[in-house]
Amino acid sequence: MITGISIVAVPVDDIDEALRFFCDLLGMEKRKDLSGSDGDRYVEVAPPGSPVALSPYTFYDRPPGKATIGEYSRLVLRVADVRSAYQELSAKGVRFEREPFELPGGTFAALLDPWDNVFGLTDSTDF
């Protein structure tokens, strides 16, 4: 049956800007960057050593009622120290929806990508 998660899709409207955000600001590595004959582009980014990759993608002819950019992603990224990551990423211009806060099991924060998709940060190993 299901043995893991390999890719999480994140809707964006500019693949190059997504690569700058995830790689240059968040420190992920680009794993794939493929272009199809129809002009579609497929990319994958991931934290170094992670078995799970993000795939920023653009909507082309999105059917009515389907996911909208900025209303889709709820992904939590693990960091060594949320407060330190918050300071470092804020200094790079990354926007946050929630500053670091404590919950049972660890510290959490929520950052926004350029399309207002929300990404949680945690230093908890319980999740």
C-alpha atoms as a PDB file:
ATOM      1  CA  MET A   1       0.000   0.000   0.000  1.00  0.00           C
ATOM      2  CA  ILE A   2       1.145   3.603   0.498  1.00  0.00           C
ATOM      3  CA  THR A   3       4.697   3.750   1.821  1.00  0.00           C
ATOM      4  CA  GLY A   4       5.416   7.484   1.804  1.00  0.00           C
ATOM      5  CA  ILE A   5       4.961  10.852   0.157  1.00  0.00           C
ATOM      6  CA  SER A   6       7.212  11.742  -2.751  1.00  0.00           C
ATOM      7  CA  ILE A   7       5.901  15.060  -4.153  1.00  0.00           C
ATOM      8  CA  VAL A   8       3.649  17.846  -2.908  1.00  0.00           C
ATOM      9  CA  ALA A   9       2.288  20.182  -5.616  1.00  0.00           C
ATOM     10  CA  VAL A  10       2.186  23.918  -4.862  1.00  0.00           C
ATOM     11  CA  PRO A  11       0.272  26.285  -7.182  1.00  0.00           C
ATOM     12  CA  VAL A  12       2.185  29.377  -8.338  1.00  0.00           C
ATOM     13  CA  ASP A  13       1.965  31.741 -11.294  1.00  0.00           C
ATOM     14  CA  ASP A  14       5.693  32.055 -12.071  1.00  0.00           C
ATOM     15  CA  ILE A  15       8.029  29.041 -12.009  1.00  0.00           C
ATOM     16  CA  ASP A  16      11.220  31.150 -12.081  1.00  0.00           C
ATOM     17  CA  GLU A  17      10.029  33.217  -9.122  1.00  0.00           C
ATOM     18  CA  ALA A  18       9.114  29.981  -7.313  1.00  0.00           C
ATOM     19  CA  LEU A  19      12.641  28.655  -7.852  1.00  0.00           C
ATOM     20  CA  ARG A  20      14.115  31.883  -6.450  1.00  0.00           C
ATOM     21  CA  PHE A  21      11.829  31.714  -3.407  1.00  0.00           C
ATOM     22  CA  PHE A  22      12.258  28.037  -2.556  1.00  0.00           C
ATOM     23  CA  CYS A  23      15.945  27.733  -3.499  1.00  0.00           C
ATOM     24  CA  ASP A  24      17.489  31.161  -2.898  1.00  0.00           C
ATOM     25  CA  LEU A  25      15.431  32.245   0.128  1.00  0.00           C
ATOM     26  CA  LEU A  26      14.482  28.947   1.789  1.00  0.00           C
ATOM     27  CA  GLY A  27      17.664  27.061   0.874  1.00  0.00           C
ATOM     28  CA  MET A  28      16.096  24.145  -0.987  1.00  0.00           C
ATOM     29  CA  GLU A  29      17.820  22.489  -3.925  1.00  0.00           C
ATOM     30  CA  LYS A  30      16.415  22.209  -7.439  1.00  0.00           C
ATOM     31  CA  ARG A  31      16.100  18.525  -8.324  1.00  0.00           C
ATOM     32  CA  LYS A  32      14.309  18.689 -11.680  1.00  0.00           C
ATOM     33  CA  ASP A  33      13.597  21.327 -14.295  1.00  0.00           C
ATOM     34  CA  LEU A  34      11.961  19.825 -17.380  1.00  0.00           C
ATOM     35  CA  SER A  35      10.126  21.469 -20.270  1.00  0.00           C
ATOM     36  CA  GLY A  36       7.604  19.674 -22.432  1.00  0.00           C
ATOM     37  CA  SER A  37       7.058  20.212 -26.136  1.00  0.00           C
ATOM     38  CA  ASP A  38       3.770  21.943 -25.265  1.00  0.00           C
ATOM     39  CA  GLY A  39       5.583  24.585 -23.200  1.00  0.00           C
ATOM     40  CA  ASP A  40       4.629  23.159 -19.808  1.00  0.00           C
ATOM     41  CA  ARG A  41       7.432  23.189 -17.262  1.00  0.00           C
ATOM     42  CA  TYR A  42       7.898  20.694 -14.442  1.00  0.00           C
ATOM     43  CA  VAL A  43      10.222  21.449 -11.539  1.00  0.00           C
ATOM     44  CA  GLU A  44      10.950  19.827  -8.195  1.00  0.00           C
ATOM     45  CA  VAL A  45      12.666  21.395  -5.199  1.00  0.00           C
ATOM     46  CA  ALA A  46      13.451  19.888  -1.803  1.00  0.00           C
ATOM     47  CA  PRO A  47      15.486  20.427   1.334  1.00  0.00           C
ATOM     48  CA  PRO A  48      18.879  18.721   0.923  1.00  0.00           C
ATOM     49  CA  GLY A  49      18.532  15.022   1.717  1.00  0.00           C
ATOM     50  CA  SER A  50      14.731  15.063   1.893  1.00  0.00           C
ATOM     51  CA  PRO A  51      12.851  12.168   0.304  1.00  0.00           C
ATOM     52  CA  VAL A  52       9.847  14.478  -0.309  1.00  0.00           C
ATOM     53  CA  ALA A  53       9.935  17.152  -3.028  1.00  0.00           C
ATOM     54  CA  LEU A  54       7.764  20.184  -3.747  1.00  0.00           C
ATOM     55  CA  SER A  55       6.571  20.728  -7.288  1.00  0.00           C
ATOM     56  CA  PRO A  56       5.627  24.366  -7.950  1.00  0.00           C
ATOM     57  CA  TYR A  57       3.239  24.418 -10.901  1.00  0.00           C
ATOM     58  CA  THR A  58       1.145  26.955 -12.778  1.00  0.00           C
ATOM     59  CA  PHE A  59      -2.555  26.691 -13.483  1.00  0.00           C
ATOM     60  CA  TYR A  60      -3.358  26.864 -17.148  1.00  0.00           C
ATOM     61  CA  ASP A  61      -7.030  26.228 -17.820  1.00  0.00           C
ATOM     62  CA  ARG A  62      -8.204  25.716 -14.255  1.00  0.00           C
ATOM     63  CA  PRO A  63     -11.771  24.444 -14.151  1.00  0.00           C
ATOM     64  CA  PRO A  64     -14.190  26.509 -12.029  1.00  0.00           C
ATOM     65  CA  GLY A  65     -14.292  25.432  -8.406  1.00  0.00           C
ATOM     66  CA  LYS A  66     -10.788  23.979  -8.379  1.00  0.00           C
ATOM     67  CA  ALA A  67      -7.933  25.080  -6.113  1.00  0.00           C
ATOM     68  CA  THR A  68      -6.948  28.717  -6.315  1.00  0.00           C
ATOM     69  CA  ILE A  69      -3.396  30.001  -5.920  1.00  0.00           C
ATOM     70  CA  GLY A  70      -2.895  30.954  -2.284  1.00  0.00           C
ATOM     71  CA  GLU A  71      -5.709  28.721  -1.008  1.00  0.00           C
ATOM     72  CA  TYR A  72      -4.241  25.268  -1.499  1.00  0.00           C
ATOM     73  CA  SER A  73      -1.026  24.470   0.326  1.00  0.00           C
ATOM     74  CA  ARG A  74      -0.851  23.553   3.981  1.00  0.00           C
ATOM     75  CA  LEU A  75       2.550  22.002   4.374  1.00  0.00           C
ATOM     76  CA  VAL A  76       4.752  22.036   7.479  1.00  0.00           C
ATOM     77  CA  LEU A  77       8.530  22.241   7.065  1.00  0.00           C
ATOM     78  CA  ARG A  78      10.864  21.036   9.820  1.00  0.00           C
ATOM     79  CA  VAL A  79      13.725  23.280  10.953  1.00  0.00           C
ATOM     80  CA  ALA A  80      16.275  22.924  13.771  1.00  0.00           C
ATOM     81  CA  ASP A  81      15.060  26.057  15.582  1.00  0.00           C
ATOM     82  CA  VAL A  82      11.888  27.923  14.576  1.00  0.00           C
ATOM     83  CA  ARG A  83      12.861  31.205  16.235  1.00  0.00           C
ATOM     84  CA  SER A  84      16.262  31.273  14.504  1.00  0.00           C
ATOM     85  CA  ALA A  85      14.696  30.339  11.161  1.00  0.00           C
ATOM     86  CA  TYR A  86      12.089  33.074  11.645  1.00  0.00           C
ATOM     87  CA  GLN A  87      14.819  35.688  12.241  1.00  0.00           C
ATOM     88  CA  GLU A  88      16.914  34.523   9.270  1.00  0.00           C
ATOM     89  CA  LEU A  89      14.016  34.275   6.829  1.00  0.00           C
ATOM     90  CA  SER A  90      12.467  37.573   7.961  1.00  0.00           C
ATOM     91  CA  ALA A  91      15.818  39.269   7.320  1.00  0.00           C
ATOM     92  CA  LYS A  92      15.705  37.870   3.759  1.00  0.00           C
ATOM     93  CA  GLY A  93      12.271  39.406   3.217  1.00  0.00           C
ATOM     94  CA  VAL A  94      10.123  36.293   3.688  1.00  0.00           C
ATOM     95  CA  ARG A  95       6.636  37.220   4.924  1.00  0.00           C
ATOM     96  CA  PHE A  96       5.069  35.456   7.884  1.00  0.00           C
ATOM     97  CA  GLU A  97       1.398  34.874   8.593  1.00  0.00           C
ATOM     98  CA  ARG A  98       2.201  33.944  12.218  1.00  0.00           C
ATOM     99  CA  GLU A  99       5.264  34.689  14.275  1.00  0.00           C
ATOM    100  CA  PRO A 100       6.736  31.820  16.324  1.00  0.00           C
ATOM    101  CA  PHE A 101       4.408  30.501  19.012  1.00  0.00           C
ATOM    102  CA  GLU A 102       4.453  27.568  21.403  1.00  0.00           C
ATOM    103  CA  LEU A 103       2.177  24.555  21.258  1.00  0.00           C
ATOM    104  CA  PRO A 104       2.531  21.297  23.148  1.00  0.00           C
ATOM    105  CA  GLY A 105       5.351  19.474  21.413  1.00  0.00           C
ATOM    106  CA  GLY A 106       7.239  22.409  19.948  1.00  0.00           C
ATOM    107  CA  THR A 107       7.435  25.851  18.452  1.00  0.00           C
ATOM    108  CA  PHE A 108       5.553  26.753  15.281  1.00  0.00           C
ATOM    109  CA  ALA A 109       5.382  29.648  12.802  1.00  0.00           C
ATOM    110  CA  ALA A 110       3.690  30.142   9.437  1.00  0.00           C
ATOM    111  CA  LEU A 111       5.333  31.766   6.416  1.00  0.00           C
ATOM    112  CA  LEU A 112       3.809  32.881   3.127  1.00  0.00           C
ATOM    113  CA  ASP A 113       5.270  32.312  -0.307  1.00  0.00           C
ATOM    114  CA  PRO A 114       4.876  35.035  -2.970  1.00  0.00           C
ATOM    115  CA  TRP A 115       1.444  33.558  -3.899  1.00  0.00           C
ATOM    116  CA  ASP A 116       0.156  33.508  -0.289  1.00  0.00           C
ATOM    117  CA  ASN A 117       0.399  29.735   0.064  1.00  0.00           C
ATOM    118  CA  VAL A 118       0.965  29.021   3.771  1.00  0.00           C
ATOM    119  CA  PHE A 119       3.892  26.889   4.937  1.00  0.00           C
ATOM    120  CA  GLY A 120       4.218  25.976   8.583  1.00  0.00           C
ATOM    121  CA  LEU A 121       7.587  25.778  10.302  1.00  0.00           C
ATOM    122  CA  THR A 122       8.193  23.529  13.291  1.00  0.00           C
ATOM    123  CA  ASP A 123      11.138  22.290  15.298  1.00  0.00           C
ATOM    124  CA  SER A 124       9.028  19.503  16.775  1.00  0.00           C
ATOM    125  CA  THR A 125       9.905  15.920  15.959  1.00  0.00           C
ATOM    126  CA  ASP A 126       6.457  14.769  17.130  1.00  0.00           C
ATOM    127  CA  PHE A 127       4.718  15.661  13.855  1.00  0.00           C
END
